[in-house]
Amino acid sequence: MELIALIVAFVLGFIMRLFGFPPMLGFLIAGFFLNLYGVSSSETIDKVADMGILLLLFTVGLKLNVKSLIRGHAWKGGLLQMLLNFIIFGLIFMLFGYLGVFFFSGISLKVIALISFALAFSSTVFAVKVLEDTGEMTGIQGKTAMAILIIQDVLAVLFLAMSEDKTPSAWALLLLGLPFLRKPIIWLMKKSGHGEMMILFGFLLAFWGAELFDMVGLKPDLGALVAGMIVANSPKSNEMANSLMNFKEFFLIAFFLSIGLSGTPEWWMIGTAFLLILLLPIKGFLYFRILTFLGLRARTSFQVSTSLLNYSEFALIVASVAVAQHMLSNEWLIVISIAVSLSFIVAAPVKSYLDFTILEKYLIRFEKTETIAEDKQIDISGFDILVFGMGKIGTKVYDELAAGIDKKVMGLDDNYDIVLDHREAGRNVITGDATDTQSWERILPGDVSLVLLTLSNHSANLIAATTLKKYQPTIKIAALAQYEDEMEELRKAGVDKVVNLYEETGTGFAGHAITLLEDKTPENNPVPKG
């Protein structure tokens, strides 16, 4: 059965990719397709799906900066959204019950409260996947979305703690001492080297965190996230995240398959689930309006809200616990399962194709005159060359240009903390998103003559190039890529010079190595003794 599931998932994922949709949309449809023909989920698929979720949250933890979680707009936004979503959905469900709509007729206030609470959550798995695919994970939109999701995870833990089968033990208090293990764990990371040992240690950390939290009655998923956070921002955290990436991507296929394989619905269940899907715009607008109220720009708020425009797999956990405690009927578990699945199918193309510019004239009116410092619109007038992406490569490019030519160079990065580090080092770097149309519209003709895209995510480079060519077609663009098909996509998007990262590294290395032949000093060419 697993082989058939993989074949169907590959075929439908491949078709989705050909049409420009995320492959995970094909994996979801594959689950529904197989379920239609009587195939149900297996123990193997469920276990692999669980591993995928643990690895996903662990790698998220590896990239998290705790400072981003305690900023006001993040935690306030998370709490406000949960509260308002719970109240508004509860009132709507009460209205549905009064009107006798579908399965809402005759349900109690307790059931309404449970369903409203469950549907207030957004999917961490879905949000992280789309944020990684679009290159938004390290920017303010990614950090804000993750902070909101972590706030929701905390509320999830509180719910599970109050449920009869998930009462945390007194030993849970010892978890407060986990940060003291950071130094020995980082030492082990360094000594693990690279390759298979780094991968093995990553798996070990993720499952250790999950098992530790499960032993004291807390969410294993949260344990994997915390395990990653313990060693976040360490010298080898990025290497570990990159080492686990392909494993995580593969295991998550099983997660999306398992959603579609979760049960066989009846017509009224499907109708009720579709009704819940019609409420998604309300959920999205709540995210948007709360974040603009807290000082984020309309564009950033829109990006966050489209990333979170779904129902969470945690809704299934809430429903399962409620069914086990006889607070909810089993039919509602199937309804919520269908709604979660459909929300992924709806949200994927919305995130990919609903551009902010389409709704900009309607949404911009909600933006505050003064936005928070981290999300101020960038001013790039007066500069000749822009370097987007101030990681290791971008920093080297910036330093070479700033020292080698008589032009004004500015570096931009969507990670506010990285920007602050560069400023302290004396570089002229500001917070900026290469896909931000509002910034490109403000460039005066003749200001910027060259843009270099050194972003680590190909999708982000591609979106940036397409956006720039649309609003400033006269500006020359140079970009880096790792693979030939990525180079071709960038050329089609209008990039004037595409450089293969590996070829450039090889050329640079050869250039440095050749100097050894030219260096004939006695110090570098000692005469052998004897």
Protein backbone atom coordinates (compact mmCIF):
# COMPACT_ATOMS: atom_id res chain seq x y z
CA MET A 1 0.00 0.00 0.00
CA GLU A 2 2.84 2.39 0.85
CA LEU A 3 4.35 1.94 -2.62
CA ILE A 4 1.03 2.77 -4.30
CA ALA A 5 0.65 5.83 -2.07
CA LEU A 6 4.14 7.04 -3.04
CA ILE A 7 3.44 6.54 -6.76
CA VAL A 8 0.14 8.45 -6.61
CA ALA A 9 1.75 11.19 -4.49
CA PHE A 10 4.61 11.57 -6.96
CA VAL A 11 2.33 11.72 -10.02
CA LEU A 12 -0.05 14.29 -8.53
CA GLY A 13 2.81 16.29 -6.93
CA PHE A 14 4.56 16.35 -10.31
CA ILE A 15 1.39 17.57 -12.05
CA MET A 16 0.95 20.34 -9.46
CA ARG A 17 4.55 21.43 -9.96
CA LEU A 18 4.11 21.58 -13.74
CA PHE A 19 1.18 23.97 -13.27
CA GLY A 20 3.11 26.11 -10.79
CA PHE A 21 1.36 24.91 -7.62
CA PRO A 22 3.20 23.67 -4.51
CA PRO A 23 3.73 19.86 -4.75
CA MET A 24 2.20 19.44 -1.27
CA LEU A 25 -1.15 20.31 -2.83
CA GLY A 26 -0.75 17.20 -5.00
CA PHE A 27 0.11 15.12 -1.93
CA LEU A 28 -3.12 16.23 -0.23
CA ILE A 29 -5.19 15.41 -3.31
CA ALA A 30 -3.42 12.04 -3.51
CA GLY A 31 -4.65 11.24 0.00
CA PHE A 32 -8.25 12.09 -0.94
CA PHE A 33 -7.94 10.13 -4.19
CA LEU A 34 -6.67 7.01 -2.43
CA ASN A 35 -9.31 7.34 0.29
CA LEU A 36 -11.99 7.52 -2.40
CA TYR A 37 -10.88 4.06 -3.58
CA GLY A 38 -11.01 2.57 -0.11
CA VAL A 39 -7.37 3.02 0.89
CA SER A 40 -6.86 4.03 4.52
CA SER A 41 -3.81 5.28 6.33
CA SER A 42 -1.32 2.72 7.62
CA GLU A 43 0.81 2.58 10.74
CA THR A 44 3.90 3.20 8.61
CA ILE A 45 2.48 6.35 7.01
CA ASP A 46 1.32 7.69 10.38
CA LYS A 47 4.73 7.08 11.99
CA VAL A 48 6.61 8.69 9.09
CA ALA A 49 4.18 11.65 9.22
CA ASP A 50 4.90 12.09 12.93
CA MET A 51 8.64 12.04 12.22
CA GLY A 52 8.18 14.69 9.55
CA ILE A 53 6.34 17.02 11.92
CA LEU A 54 8.98 16.55 14.64
CA LEU A 55 11.82 17.29 12.20
CA LEU A 56 9.97 20.29 10.80
CA LEU A 57 9.47 21.86 14.21
CA PHE A 58 13.02 20.98 15.25
CA THR A 59 14.50 22.77 12.22
CA VAL A 60 12.22 25.74 12.90
CA GLY A 61 13.61 25.87 16.42
CA LEU A 62 17.17 25.82 15.02
CA LYS A 63 16.44 29.06 13.15
CA LEU A 64 14.45 30.85 15.84
CA ASN A 65 15.65 33.90 17.70
CA VAL A 66 13.96 34.24 21.09
CA LYS A 67 14.15 38.04 20.85
CA SER A 68 11.73 37.95 17.91
CA LEU A 69 9.14 36.13 20.04
CA ILE A 70 8.97 38.72 22.80
CA ARG A 71 8.39 41.72 20.55
CA GLY A 72 5.03 43.30 21.27
CA HIS A 73 3.40 42.89 17.86
CA ALA A 74 4.14 39.14 17.92
CA TRP A 75 2.75 37.95 21.23
CA LYS A 76 -0.02 40.55 21.33
CA GLY A 77 -1.06 39.56 17.81
CA GLY A 78 -1.16 35.88 18.74
CA LEU A 79 -3.29 36.38 21.85
CA LEU A 80 -5.66 38.90 20.23
CA GLN A 81 -6.23 36.68 17.22
CA MET A 82 -7.05 33.64 19.34
CA LEU A 83 -9.48 35.59 21.50
CA LEU A 84 -11.30 37.41 18.67
CA ASN A 85 -11.38 34.33 16.43
CA PHE A 86 -12.87 32.28 19.29
CA ILE A 87 -15.57 34.90 20.00
CA ILE A 88 -16.51 35.64 16.38
CA PHE A 89 -16.60 32.01 15.25
CA GLY A 90 -18.59 31.12 18.36
CA LEU A 91 -21.22 33.77 17.55
CA ILE A 92 -21.41 32.58 13.93
CA PHE A 93 -21.88 28.94 15.00
CA MET A 94 -24.62 30.02 17.42
CA LEU A 95 -26.34 31.77 14.51
CA PHE A 96 -25.97 28.65 12.35
CA GLY A 97 -27.53 26.60 15.16
CA TYR A 98 -30.44 29.04 15.48
CA LEU A 99 -31.04 28.86 11.70
CA GLY A 100 -30.76 25.04 11.67
CA VAL A 101 -27.82 24.99 9.26
CA PHE A 102 -26.35 21.52 8.57
CA PHE A 103 -24.92 19.82 11.66
CA PHE A 104 -24.99 22.98 13.82
CA SER A 105 -28.65 22.50 14.66
CA GLY A 106 -29.13 21.58 18.29
CA ILE A 107 -25.46 21.55 19.36
CA SER A 108 -24.66 22.80 22.86
CA LEU A 109 -22.65 25.88 23.83
CA LYS A 110 -19.90 23.56 25.10
CA VAL A 111 -19.53 21.97 21.66
CA ILE A 112 -19.62 25.40 19.99
CA ALA A 113 -16.84 26.59 22.32
CA LEU A 114 -14.70 23.53 21.54
CA ILE A 115 -15.09 23.88 17.76
CA SER A 116 -14.45 27.63 17.88
CA PHE A 117 -11.30 27.06 19.94
CA ALA A 118 -10.04 24.31 17.62
CA LEU A 119 -10.55 26.36 14.44
CA ALA A 120 -8.78 29.43 15.87
CA PHE A 121 -5.42 27.69 15.39
CA SER A 122 -3.37 27.83 12.19
CA SER A 123 -1.18 25.02 10.89
CA THR A 124 2.49 25.22 11.86
CA VAL A 125 3.38 22.57 9.27
CA PHE A 126 1.67 24.42 6.41
CA ALA A 127 2.90 27.89 7.43
CA VAL A 128 6.54 26.85 7.80
CA LYS A 129 6.46 25.01 4.47
CA VAL A 130 5.11 27.97 2.50
CA LEU A 131 7.35 30.48 4.32
CA GLU A 132 10.40 28.37 3.46
CA ASP A 133 9.27 27.95 -0.16
CA THR A 134 8.81 31.71 -0.61
CA GLY A 135 11.98 32.66 1.27
CA GLU A 136 10.07 34.64 3.91
CA MET A 137 11.08 32.61 6.96
CA THR A 138 13.89 34.91 8.15
CA GLY A 139 12.05 38.17 7.44
CA ILE A 140 9.66 40.00 9.74
CA GLN A 141 6.71 38.23 8.11
CA GLY A 142 8.20 34.82 8.87
CA LYS A 143 9.24 35.73 12.41
CA THR A 144 5.84 37.23 13.18
CA ALA A 145 4.01 34.20 11.81
CA MET A 146 6.22 31.85 13.83
CA ALA A 147 5.78 33.89 17.01
CA ILE A 148 2.00 33.74 16.60
CA LEU A 149 2.16 29.99 16.02
CA ILE A 150 4.27 29.50 19.13
CA ILE A 151 1.74 31.51 21.18
CA GLN A 152 -0.90 29.16 19.81
CA ASP A 153 1.27 26.17 20.75
CA VAL A 154 1.46 27.44 24.32
CA LEU A 155 -2.34 27.69 24.44
CA ALA A 156 -2.50 24.18 22.97
CA VAL A 157 -0.32 22.90 25.79
CA LEU A 158 -2.61 24.57 28.33
CA PHE A 159 -5.63 22.90 26.74
CA LEU A 160 -3.98 19.49 26.76
CA ALA A 161 -2.87 20.05 30.34
CA MET A 162 -6.49 20.58 31.34
CA SER A 163 -7.67 17.51 29.44
CA GLU A 164 -7.81 14.33 31.49
CA ASP A 165 -5.35 12.29 29.41
CA LYS A 166 -2.66 14.97 29.11
CA THR A 167 -1.97 16.24 32.61
CA PRO A 168 1.65 17.41 32.94
CA SER A 169 3.49 15.85 35.83
CA ALA A 170 5.38 17.79 38.46
CA TRP A 171 8.58 16.74 36.67
CA ALA A 172 7.65 19.20 33.89
CA LEU A 173 9.11 21.99 36.02
CA LEU A 174 12.57 20.49 35.44
CA LEU A 175 12.27 21.45 31.76
CA LEU A 176 13.00 25.04 32.84
CA GLY A 177 16.59 23.90 33.27
CA LEU A 178 17.01 22.83 29.61
CA PRO A 179 18.80 26.08 28.57
CA PHE A 180 21.67 25.08 30.89
CA LEU A 181 22.33 22.14 28.53
CA ARG A 182 23.06 24.48 25.60
CA LYS A 183 26.86 24.52 25.99
CA PRO A 184 27.40 20.75 26.27
CA ILE A 185 25.00 20.10 23.36
CA ILE A 186 26.79 22.68 21.17
CA TRP A 187 30.12 21.02 22.10
CA LEU A 188 28.72 17.69 20.91
CA MET A 189 27.51 19.34 17.68
CA LYS A 190 31.01 20.64 16.96
CA LYS A 191 32.62 17.27 17.70
CA SER A 192 30.08 15.41 15.51
CA GLY A 193 31.75 16.77 12.40
CA HIS A 194 29.75 16.69 9.18
CA GLY A 195 27.79 14.26 7.01
CA GLU A 196 26.06 11.28 8.57
CA MET A 197 27.15 12.10 12.14
CA MET A 198 25.62 15.57 11.93
CA ILE A 199 22.39 14.09 10.52
CA LEU A 200 22.28 11.40 13.20
CA PHE A 201 22.85 13.94 15.97
CA GLY A 202 20.05 16.11 14.55
CA PHE A 203 17.62 13.18 14.63
CA LEU A 204 18.77 12.36 18.15
CA LEU A 205 18.17 15.91 19.40
CA ALA A 206 14.72 16.18 17.79
CA PHE A 207 13.47 12.87 19.18
CA TRP A 208 15.13 13.46 22.56
CA GLY A 209 13.20 16.72 22.95
CA ALA A 210 9.94 15.10 21.82
CA GLU A 211 10.36 12.12 24.14
CA LEU A 212 11.33 14.33 27.08
CA PHE A 213 8.19 16.46 26.77
CA ASP A 214 5.98 13.44 26.20
CA MET A 215 7.31 11.80 29.38
CA VAL A 216 6.12 14.75 31.48
CA GLY A 217 2.73 15.02 29.76
CA LEU A 218 3.44 17.83 27.28
CA LYS A 219 3.20 17.98 23.47
CA PRO A 220 6.05 16.03 21.82
CA ASP A 221 5.93 18.50 18.91
CA LEU A 222 6.65 21.35 21.31
CA GLY A 223 9.56 19.35 22.73
CA ALA A 224 11.16 19.06 19.28
CA LEU A 225 10.73 22.81 18.76
CA VAL A 226 12.34 23.60 22.15
CA ALA A 227 15.23 21.19 21.43
CA GLY A 228 15.99 23.18 18.30
CA MET A 229 15.70 26.50 20.10
CA ILE A 230 18.24 25.39 22.72
CA VAL A 231 21.02 25.31 20.10
CA ALA A 232 19.65 28.03 17.78
CA ASN A 233 22.13 30.67 16.53
CA SER A 234 25.09 28.42 17.35
CA PRO A 235 27.99 27.98 14.87
CA LYS A 236 26.61 24.73 13.41
CA SER A 237 22.84 25.22 13.73
CA ASN A 238 22.43 26.22 10.07
CA GLU A 239 24.53 23.26 8.91
CA MET A 240 22.36 20.90 10.95
CA ALA A 241 19.15 22.43 9.53
CA ASN A 242 20.47 22.04 5.97
CA SER A 243 21.56 18.44 6.66
CA LEU A 244 18.05 17.50 7.79
CA MET A 245 16.19 19.38 5.04
CA ASN A 246 15.72 16.53 2.55
CA PHE A 247 14.68 14.07 5.27
CA LYS A 248 12.13 16.56 6.58
CA GLU A 249 10.71 17.20 3.09
CA PHE A 250 10.34 13.49 2.40
CA PHE A 251 8.72 12.61 5.74
CA LEU A 252 6.22 15.47 5.38
CA ILE A 253 4.83 13.80 2.25
CA ALA A 254 3.39 11.18 4.59
CA PHE A 255 1.80 13.92 6.72
CA PHE A 256 -0.08 15.44 3.77
CA LEU A 257 -1.09 11.98 2.59
CA SER A 258 -2.41 11.06 6.05
CA ILE A 259 -4.67 14.13 6.12
CA GLY A 260 -6.45 12.97 2.97
CA LEU A 261 -6.58 9.37 4.21
CA SER A 262 -8.16 10.30 7.54
CA GLY A 263 -11.73 9.09 6.91
CA THR A 264 -14.68 8.51 4.60
CA PRO A 265 -17.15 11.38 4.88
CA GLU A 266 -20.89 11.53 4.23
CA TRP A 267 -22.45 14.32 2.16
CA TRP A 268 -23.61 16.40 5.14
CA MET A 269 -20.11 16.23 6.64
CA ILE A 270 -18.64 17.58 3.40
CA GLY A 271 -21.28 20.33 3.33
CA THR A 272 -20.47 21.35 6.90
CA ALA A 273 -16.72 21.33 6.12
CA PHE A 274 -17.26 23.56 3.07
CA LEU A 275 -19.24 25.94 5.26
CA LEU A 276 -16.25 26.15 7.59
CA ILE A 277 -14.01 26.89 4.61
CA LEU A 278 -16.21 29.88 3.73
CA LEU A 279 -15.23 31.35 7.11
CA LEU A 280 -11.49 31.37 6.27
CA PRO A 281 -11.56 34.95 4.87
CA ILE A 282 -12.83 36.12 8.27
CA LYS A 283 -9.90 34.40 9.93
CA GLY A 284 -7.45 35.90 7.45
CA PHE A 285 -8.85 39.41 7.84
CA LEU A 286 -8.61 39.11 11.64
CA TYR A 287 -4.89 38.36 11.36
CA PHE A 288 -4.45 41.24 8.92
CA ARG A 289 -6.40 43.82 10.91
CA ILE A 290 -4.80 42.95 14.25
CA LEU A 291 -1.27 43.20 12.82
CA THR A 292 -1.89 46.54 11.09
CA PHE A 293 -3.41 47.80 14.35
CA LEU A 294 -0.19 46.77 16.14
CA GLY A 295 1.97 48.75 13.71
CA LEU A 296 2.95 46.42 10.88
CA ARG A 297 2.65 47.61 7.29
CA ALA A 298 -0.31 46.44 5.27
CA ARG A 299 1.93 44.41 2.96
CA THR A 300 3.66 42.58 5.81
CA SER A 301 0.34 41.94 7.57
CA PHE A 302 -1.04 40.54 4.31
CA GLN A 303 1.91 38.17 3.91
CA VAL A 304 1.52 36.90 7.46
CA SER A 305 -2.24 36.45 7.16
CA THR A 306 -2.01 34.48 3.89
CA SER A 307 0.60 32.20 5.50
CA LEU A 308 -1.79 31.51 8.39
CA LEU A 309 -4.97 31.28 6.29
CA ASN A 310 -5.80 27.70 7.19
CA TYR A 311 -7.03 25.44 9.93
CA SER A 312 -4.50 23.56 12.00
CA GLU A 313 -3.80 19.88 12.38
CA PHE A 314 -4.04 20.70 16.09
CA ALA A 315 -7.78 21.08 15.54
CA LEU A 316 -7.77 17.30 15.00
CA ILE A 317 -5.96 16.82 18.33
CA VAL A 318 -8.51 18.99 20.14
CA ALA A 319 -11.35 17.09 18.47
CA SER A 320 -9.76 13.71 19.30
CA VAL A 321 -9.38 14.63 22.98
CA ALA A 322 -12.93 15.99 23.07
CA VAL A 323 -14.27 12.78 21.50
CA ALA A 324 -12.33 10.67 24.01
CA GLN A 325 -13.85 12.72 26.84
CA HIS A 326 -17.36 12.38 25.29
CA MET A 327 -17.59 16.14 24.82
CA LEU A 328 -17.82 15.86 21.02
CA SER A 329 -19.31 13.30 18.65
CA ASN A 330 -17.05 11.31 16.32
CA GLU A 331 -18.81 12.85 13.31
CA TRP A 332 -17.36 16.24 14.23
CA LEU A 333 -13.86 14.74 14.13
CA ILE A 334 -14.42 13.77 10.48
CA VAL A 335 -15.93 17.19 9.67
CA ILE A 336 -12.93 19.01 11.17
CA SER A 337 -10.55 16.63 9.40
CA ILE A 338 -12.14 17.47 6.04
CA ALA A 339 -12.10 21.19 6.85
CA VAL A 340 -8.38 21.07 7.77
CA SER A 341 -7.59 19.24 4.52
CA LEU A 342 -9.67 21.60 2.37
CA SER A 343 -8.11 24.62 4.07
CA PHE A 344 -4.66 23.45 2.91
CA ILE A 345 -5.95 23.00 -0.64
CA VAL A 346 -7.48 26.49 -0.63
CA ALA A 347 -4.58 28.22 1.15
CA ALA A 348 -1.76 26.91 -1.07
CA PRO A 349 -2.82 28.69 -4.30
CA VAL A 350 -3.94 31.76 -2.33
CA LYS A 351 -0.43 32.14 -0.88
CA SER A 352 1.19 31.47 -4.25
CA TYR A 353 -0.96 33.62 -6.52
CA LEU A 354 -2.87 36.25 -4.53
CA ASP A 355 -0.46 39.18 -4.77
CA PHE A 356 -0.71 42.13 -2.41
CA THR A 357 -0.85 44.58 -5.33
CA ILE A 358 -4.25 43.17 -6.38
CA LEU A 359 -5.84 44.30 -3.10
CA GLU A 360 -3.41 47.09 -2.21
CA LYS A 361 -5.81 50.02 -2.74
CA TYR A 362 -8.31 48.39 -0.36
CA LEU A 363 -5.85 47.21 2.29
CA ILE A 364 -3.47 50.15 2.48
CA ARG A 365 -6.13 52.27 4.24
CA PHE A 366 -5.74 50.05 7.33
CA GLU A 367 -2.03 50.85 7.63
CA LYS A 368 -0.92 53.16 10.42
CA THR A 369 0.94 56.36 9.57
CA GLU A 370 3.81 55.31 11.83
CA THR A 371 4.85 51.66 11.58
CA ILE A 372 7.21 49.77 13.90
CA ALA A 373 10.96 50.27 13.31
CA GLU A 374 11.50 46.71 12.08
CA ASP A 375 8.91 47.12 9.32
CA LYS A 376 9.50 50.64 8.02
CA GLN A 377 9.44 51.02 4.26
CA ILE A 378 12.96 51.25 2.89
CA ASP A 379 14.40 54.38 1.27
CA ILE A 380 16.91 53.35 -1.40
CA SER A 381 17.07 56.57 -3.38
CA GLY A 382 20.56 58.04 -3.86
CA PHE A 383 22.40 54.70 -4.07
CA ASP A 384 24.00 53.16 -7.16
CA ILE A 385 24.21 49.48 -6.23
CA LEU A 386 22.02 47.35 -3.95
CA VAL A 387 23.01 43.97 -2.51
CA PHE A 388 20.00 41.94 -1.34
CA GLY A 389 20.78 39.18 1.17
CA MET A 390 23.56 39.95 3.63
CA GLY A 391 24.57 36.43 4.55
CA LYS A 392 28.15 35.20 4.12
CA ILE A 393 28.13 35.57 0.33
CA GLY A 394 26.24 38.86 0.33
CA THR A 395 28.59 40.33 2.93
CA LYS A 396 31.64 39.37 0.86
CA VAL A 397 30.05 40.88 -2.27
CA TYR A 398 29.21 44.09 -0.38
CA ASP A 399 32.76 44.43 1.02
CA GLU A 400 34.35 43.87 -2.41
CA LEU A 401 32.12 46.46 -4.08
CA ALA A 402 32.39 49.04 -1.30
CA ALA A 403 36.18 48.87 -1.35
CA GLY A 404 36.76 48.35 -5.06
CA ILE A 405 34.61 50.85 -6.97
CA ASP A 406 33.61 54.47 -6.68
CA LYS A 407 29.89 53.82 -6.28
CA LYS A 408 27.45 54.12 -3.38
CA VAL A 409 26.62 50.59 -2.19
CA MET A 410 23.81 49.60 0.15
CA GLY A 411 23.14 46.19 1.64
CA LEU A 412 19.63 44.97 2.46
CA ASP A 413 18.39 42.00 4.44
CA ASP A 414 14.93 41.07 5.71
CA ASN A 415 16.37 39.89 9.05
CA TYR A 416 16.34 42.87 11.41
CA ASP A 417 18.88 41.32 13.80
CA ILE A 418 21.36 40.68 10.96
CA VAL A 419 20.94 44.30 9.85
CA LEU A 420 21.79 45.54 13.36
CA ASP A 421 24.95 43.36 13.41
CA HIS A 422 26.11 44.81 10.07
CA ARG A 423 25.50 48.36 11.23
CA GLU A 424 27.62 47.72 14.30
CA ALA A 425 30.37 46.50 11.95
CA GLY A 426 30.20 49.80 10.05
CA ARG A 427 28.39 48.63 6.93
CA ASN A 428 25.60 50.62 5.30
CA VAL A 429 22.82 48.03 5.64
CA ILE A 430 19.08 48.48 6.16
CA THR A 431 16.08 46.20 6.56
CA GLY A 432 14.53 45.48 3.19
CA ASP A 433 12.58 42.91 1.23
CA ALA A 434 13.46 42.53 -2.45
CA THR A 435 9.87 41.50 -3.24
CA ASP A 436 8.40 44.70 -1.74
CA THR A 437 6.70 46.52 -4.63
CA GLN A 438 6.14 49.67 -2.58
CA SER A 439 9.91 50.14 -2.27
CA TRP A 440 10.63 49.72 -5.98
CA GLU A 441 7.90 52.19 -6.88
CA ARG A 442 9.73 54.86 -4.87
CA ILE A 443 13.03 54.62 -6.76
CA LEU A 444 13.66 57.69 -8.91
CA PRO A 445 14.88 57.09 -12.49
CA GLY A 446 18.67 57.00 -12.57
CA ASP A 447 19.12 56.31 -8.85
CA VAL A 448 19.94 52.60 -8.75
CA SER A 449 21.79 51.12 -11.71
CA LEU A 450 22.57 47.60 -10.44
CA VAL A 451 20.94 45.10 -8.07
CA LEU A 452 22.70 41.94 -6.89
CA LEU A 453 20.50 39.12 -5.57
CA THR A 454 22.42 36.88 -3.17
CA LEU A 455 19.42 35.51 -1.27
CA SER A 456 19.84 31.90 -0.12
CA ASN A 457 16.38 30.90 -1.36
CA HIS A 458 15.89 30.51 -5.12
CA SER A 459 12.18 31.28 -4.97
CA ALA A 460 12.92 34.56 -3.20
CA ASN A 461 15.52 35.49 -5.85
CA LEU A 462 13.03 34.66 -8.60
CA ILE A 463 10.19 36.68 -7.03
CA ALA A 464 12.56 39.61 -6.42
CA ALA A 465 13.78 39.60 -10.02
CA THR A 466 10.24 39.43 -11.43
CA THR A 467 9.06 42.24 -9.15
CA LEU A 468 12.04 44.47 -9.96
CA LYS A 469 11.69 44.02 -13.72
CA LYS A 470 8.02 44.87 -13.49
CA TYR A 471 8.49 48.17 -11.64
CA GLN A 472 12.04 49.19 -12.64
CA PRO A 473 12.83 47.51 -16.01
CA THR A 474 15.93 49.65 -16.69
CA ILE A 475 17.86 48.44 -13.63
CA LYS A 476 20.43 45.73 -14.33
CA ILE A 477 20.18 42.57 -12.21
CA ALA A 478 22.79 39.96 -11.31
CA ALA A 479 21.85 36.85 -9.35
CA LEU A 480 23.34 33.64 -7.94
CA ALA A 481 21.91 30.16 -8.51
CA GLN A 482 22.97 26.63 -7.62
CA TYR A 483 21.45 24.57 -10.45
CA GLU A 484 21.08 24.93 -14.22
CA ASP A 485 17.25 24.88 -14.14
CA GLU A 486 17.29 27.67 -11.54
CA MET A 487 19.64 29.70 -13.75
CA GLU A 488 17.26 29.29 -16.69
CA GLU A 489 14.27 30.43 -14.60
CA LEU A 490 16.15 33.55 -13.51
CA ARG A 491 17.13 34.36 -17.12
CA LYS A 492 13.48 34.05 -18.19
CA ALA A 493 12.54 36.42 -15.35
CA GLY A 494 14.80 39.06 -16.89
CA VAL A 495 18.00 38.69 -14.85
CA ASP A 496 20.84 40.15 -16.92
CA LYS A 497 23.66 38.08 -15.42
CA VAL A 498 23.16 34.71 -13.71
CA VAL A 499 26.18 33.16 -12.02
CA ASN A 500 26.44 29.54 -10.93
CA LEU A 501 27.46 29.56 -7.29
CA TYR A 502 29.59 26.41 -7.57
CA GLU A 503 31.37 27.57 -10.74
CA GLU A 504 32.13 30.94 -9.18
CA THR A 505 33.47 29.26 -6.05
CA GLY A 506 35.67 27.04 -8.21
CA THR A 507 37.00 30.01 -10.18
CA GLY A 508 37.73 31.95 -7.01
CA PHE A 509 39.46 28.98 -5.43
CA ALA A 510 41.61 28.43 -8.52
CA GLY A 511 42.55 32.10 -8.49
CA HIS A 512 43.70 31.89 -4.89
CA ALA A 513 45.52 28.60 -5.45
CA ILE A 514 47.46 29.90 -8.49
CA THR A 515 49.09 32.53 -6.30
CA LEU A 516 50.98 29.71 -4.60
CA LEU A 517 52.91 29.20 -7.86
CA GLU A 518 53.72 32.89 -8.03
CA ASP A 519 54.86 33.11 -4.40
CA LYS A 520 58.57 32.13 -4.37
CA THR A 521 59.50 33.64 -1.01
CA PRO A 522 61.69 31.46 1.24
CA GLU A 523 59.08 31.62 4.00
CA ASN A 524 56.49 29.92 1.85
CA ASN A 525 58.92 27.55 0.09
CA PRO A 526 61.25 26.24 2.80
CA VAL A 527 64.29 24.18 1.78
CA PRO A 528 63.90 20.60 3.03
CA LYS A 529 66.36 19.57 5.70
CA GLY A 530 68.80 16.74 5.28
